[in-house]
Amino acid sequence: MTTTNALEILTADHRAIDQLFDAFERADKGDRDRKNTLVQRACELLTIHSIVEEELLYPAAREALGSDDKFDVDEAFVEHFLVKTLIEKFTQLKAGDQGFDATFKVLKENVTHHVEEEEKDLFPEIRKTKIDLDALGRKIVARKEALQSRITEVATTH
């Protein structure tokens, strides 16, 4: 990725996650390996994305926007909690298990709603502030790389 603009980075994450949701819907019902892989990758991306938003974007937004903003940062945290709860279910569920497809469908619905609110309400409001989106973007890139390294490290040691 060549941009360091925080909102462009996060929007690119949103599109990547959308692509995984779409690929899951197109996957053959009996292709359990593909479904497991798509869910695992979506959960990884969503986890990293949620962490950088919670640690970096939302505090900056809350500080810059104050309490008059059109986007409720507290609501965003609650929506993230719900997404993390659904992601956690995939530690026990595998493709073919009862509830696997339904859980992923509900995850998609929650994420799609959340993304729409961010892109329609939060991001335009942030653009009006004095937040240095390039500086924030560099922090986001560094944090995402560190989190991805940890995931890779954990995956290769098990």
Protein backbone atom coordinates (compact mmCIF):
# COMPACT_ATOMS: atom_id res chain seq x y z
CA MET A 1 0.00 0.00 0.00
CA THR A 2 1.43 3.35 -1.00
CA THR A 3 -0.90 5.70 0.87
CA THR A 4 -0.30 6.75 4.44
CA ASN A 5 -3.69 8.44 4.79
CA ALA A 6 -5.39 6.73 7.75
CA LEU A 7 -8.88 6.84 6.26
CA GLU A 8 -7.69 5.45 2.91
CA ILE A 9 -5.92 2.60 4.72
CA LEU A 10 -9.01 1.76 6.76
CA THR A 11 -11.26 2.01 3.71
CA ALA A 12 -8.95 -0.40 1.86
CA ASP A 13 -9.34 -2.79 4.82
CA HIS A 14 -13.12 -2.47 4.49
CA ARG A 15 -12.95 -3.40 0.79
CA ALA A 16 -10.65 -6.37 1.48
CA ILE A 17 -13.08 -7.67 4.11
CA ASP A 18 -16.02 -7.14 1.71
CA GLN A 19 -14.18 -9.26 -0.87
CA LEU A 20 -13.78 -12.08 1.65
CA PHE A 21 -17.49 -11.92 2.51
CA ASP A 22 -18.35 -12.06 -1.20
CA ALA A 23 -15.95 -14.96 -1.81
CA PHE A 24 -17.57 -16.86 1.07
CA GLU A 25 -21.02 -16.37 -0.45
CA ARG A 26 -19.75 -17.65 -3.82
CA ALA A 27 -17.96 -20.66 -2.29
CA ASP A 28 -19.41 -24.08 -2.98
CA LYS A 29 -21.49 -25.24 -0.02
CA GLY A 30 -19.42 -28.40 0.30
CA ASP A 31 -16.00 -26.72 -0.01
CA ARG A 32 -15.18 -26.74 3.69
CA ASP A 33 -11.47 -26.00 3.24
CA ARG A 34 -12.21 -22.85 1.25
CA LYS A 35 -14.85 -21.70 3.73
CA ASN A 36 -12.53 -22.29 6.69
CA THR A 37 -9.73 -20.38 4.95
CA LEU A 38 -12.00 -17.44 4.07
CA VAL A 39 -13.41 -17.23 7.59
CA GLN A 40 -9.95 -17.46 9.16
CA ARG A 41 -8.61 -14.68 6.93
CA ALA A 42 -11.67 -12.48 7.51
CA CYS A 43 -11.37 -12.96 11.27
CA GLU A 44 -7.65 -12.07 11.17
CA LEU A 45 -8.28 -8.92 9.13
CA LEU A 46 -11.23 -7.88 11.29
CA THR A 47 -9.26 -8.44 14.49
CA ILE A 48 -6.31 -6.35 13.32
CA HIS A 49 -8.61 -3.68 11.89
CA SER A 50 -10.62 -3.45 15.12
CA ILE A 51 -7.50 -3.13 17.25
CA VAL A 52 -6.05 -0.25 15.20
CA GLU A 53 -9.37 1.56 15.17
CA GLU A 54 -9.81 1.16 18.93
CA GLU A 55 -6.22 2.06 19.81
CA LEU A 56 -5.57 4.81 17.28
CA LEU A 57 -8.55 6.06 15.25
CA TYR A 58 -11.31 6.27 17.84
CA PRO A 59 -9.26 8.09 20.50
CA ALA A 60 -8.10 10.62 17.87
CA ALA A 61 -11.68 11.03 16.64
CA ARG A 62 -13.07 11.43 20.15
CA GLU A 63 -10.47 14.09 20.94
CA ALA A 64 -10.90 15.99 17.67
CA LEU A 65 -14.68 15.78 17.44
CA GLY A 66 -15.66 16.11 21.07
CA SER A 67 -19.18 15.18 22.10
CA ASP A 68 -20.92 17.01 19.27
CA ASP A 69 -19.96 14.51 16.62
CA LYS A 70 -22.55 12.74 14.48
CA PHE A 71 -20.74 9.45 15.03
CA ASP A 72 -21.06 7.79 18.42
CA VAL A 73 -17.61 6.40 19.23
CA ASP A 74 -19.06 4.48 22.19
CA GLU A 75 -21.47 2.74 19.80
CA ALA A 76 -18.54 1.83 17.56
CA PHE A 77 -16.79 0.16 20.51
CA VAL A 78 -19.95 -1.84 21.28
CA GLU A 79 -20.23 -2.89 17.63
CA HIS A 80 -16.60 -4.03 17.75
CA PHE A 81 -17.37 -6.03 20.89
CA LEU A 82 -20.18 -7.84 19.06
CA VAL A 83 -17.91 -8.58 16.09
CA LYS A 84 -15.18 -9.91 18.43
CA THR A 85 -17.78 -12.11 20.15
CA LEU A 86 -18.77 -13.61 16.79
CA ILE A 87 -15.11 -14.05 15.80
CA GLU A 88 -14.53 -15.92 19.07
CA LYS A 89 -17.21 -18.44 18.07
CA PHE A 90 -14.99 -19.49 15.16
CA THR A 91 -12.43 -20.88 17.62
CA GLN A 92 -14.93 -23.72 18.14
CA LEU A 93 -16.82 -23.76 14.83
CA LYS A 94 -15.53 -25.29 11.62
CA ALA A 95 -17.13 -25.34 8.16
CA GLY A 96 -19.83 -27.97 8.08
CA ASP A 97 -20.70 -27.47 11.77
CA GLN A 98 -24.23 -26.39 12.60
CA GLY A 99 -24.27 -22.61 12.89
CA PHE A 100 -21.01 -21.98 10.99
CA ASP A 101 -22.57 -20.35 7.91
CA ALA A 102 -25.19 -18.54 9.99
CA THR A 103 -22.55 -17.11 12.33
CA PHE A 104 -20.54 -15.82 9.37
CA LYS A 105 -23.68 -14.31 7.84
CA VAL A 106 -24.45 -12.43 11.07
CA LEU A 107 -20.80 -11.34 11.28
CA LYS A 108 -21.07 -9.96 7.74
CA GLU A 109 -24.30 -8.11 8.54
CA ASN A 110 -22.79 -6.52 11.66
CA VAL A 111 -19.58 -5.54 9.89
CA THR A 112 -21.41 -4.16 6.84
CA HIS A 113 -23.60 -1.97 9.06
CA HIS A 114 -20.59 -0.75 11.03
CA VAL A 115 -18.57 0.02 7.88
CA GLU A 116 -21.47 1.99 6.38
CA GLU A 117 -21.70 4.14 9.51
CA GLU A 118 -17.95 4.76 9.58
CA GLU A 119 -17.70 5.67 5.92
CA LYS A 120 -20.91 7.73 5.82
CA ASP A 121 -20.66 9.49 9.20
CA LEU A 122 -17.29 9.19 10.93
CA PHE A 123 -14.81 9.50 8.08
CA PRO A 124 -16.35 12.70 6.62
CA GLU A 125 -16.38 14.26 10.09
CA ILE A 126 -12.74 13.30 10.67
CA ARG A 127 -11.77 14.88 7.33
CA LYS A 128 -13.10 18.22 8.66
CA THR A 129 -10.78 18.10 11.70
CA LYS A 130 -7.13 18.98 12.10
CA ILE A 131 -6.12 15.33 12.57
CA ASP A 132 -2.91 14.64 10.62
CA LEU A 133 -4.22 11.68 8.63
CA ASP A 134 -0.79 10.81 7.23
CA ALA A 135 0.83 10.69 10.67
CA LEU A 136 -2.10 8.63 11.96
CA GLY A 137 -1.83 6.40 8.90
CA ARG A 138 1.85 5.71 9.56
CA LYS A 139 0.97 4.67 13.12
CA ILE A 140 -1.81 2.43 11.78
CA VAL A 141 0.52 0.77 9.25
CA ALA A 142 3.16 0.12 11.92
CA ARG A 143 0.60 -1.30 14.36
CA LYS A 144 -0.99 -3.50 11.68
CA GLU A 145 2.43 -4.88 10.72
CA ALA A 146 3.25 -5.65 14.36
CA LEU A 147 -0.11 -7.40 14.88
CA GLN A 148 0.25 -9.40 11.65
CA SER A 149 3.74 -10.48 12.73
CA ARG A 150 2.35 -11.69 16.05
CA ILE A 151 -0.39 -13.67 14.28
CA THR A 152 2.17 -15.20 11.92
CA GLU A 153 4.49 -16.00 14.82
CA VAL A 154 1.72 -17.70 16.79
CA ALA A 155 0.57 -19.64 13.70
CA THR A 156 4.05 -20.93 12.92
CA THR A 157 4.82 -22.02 16.50
CA HIS A 158 1.73 -24.23 16.77
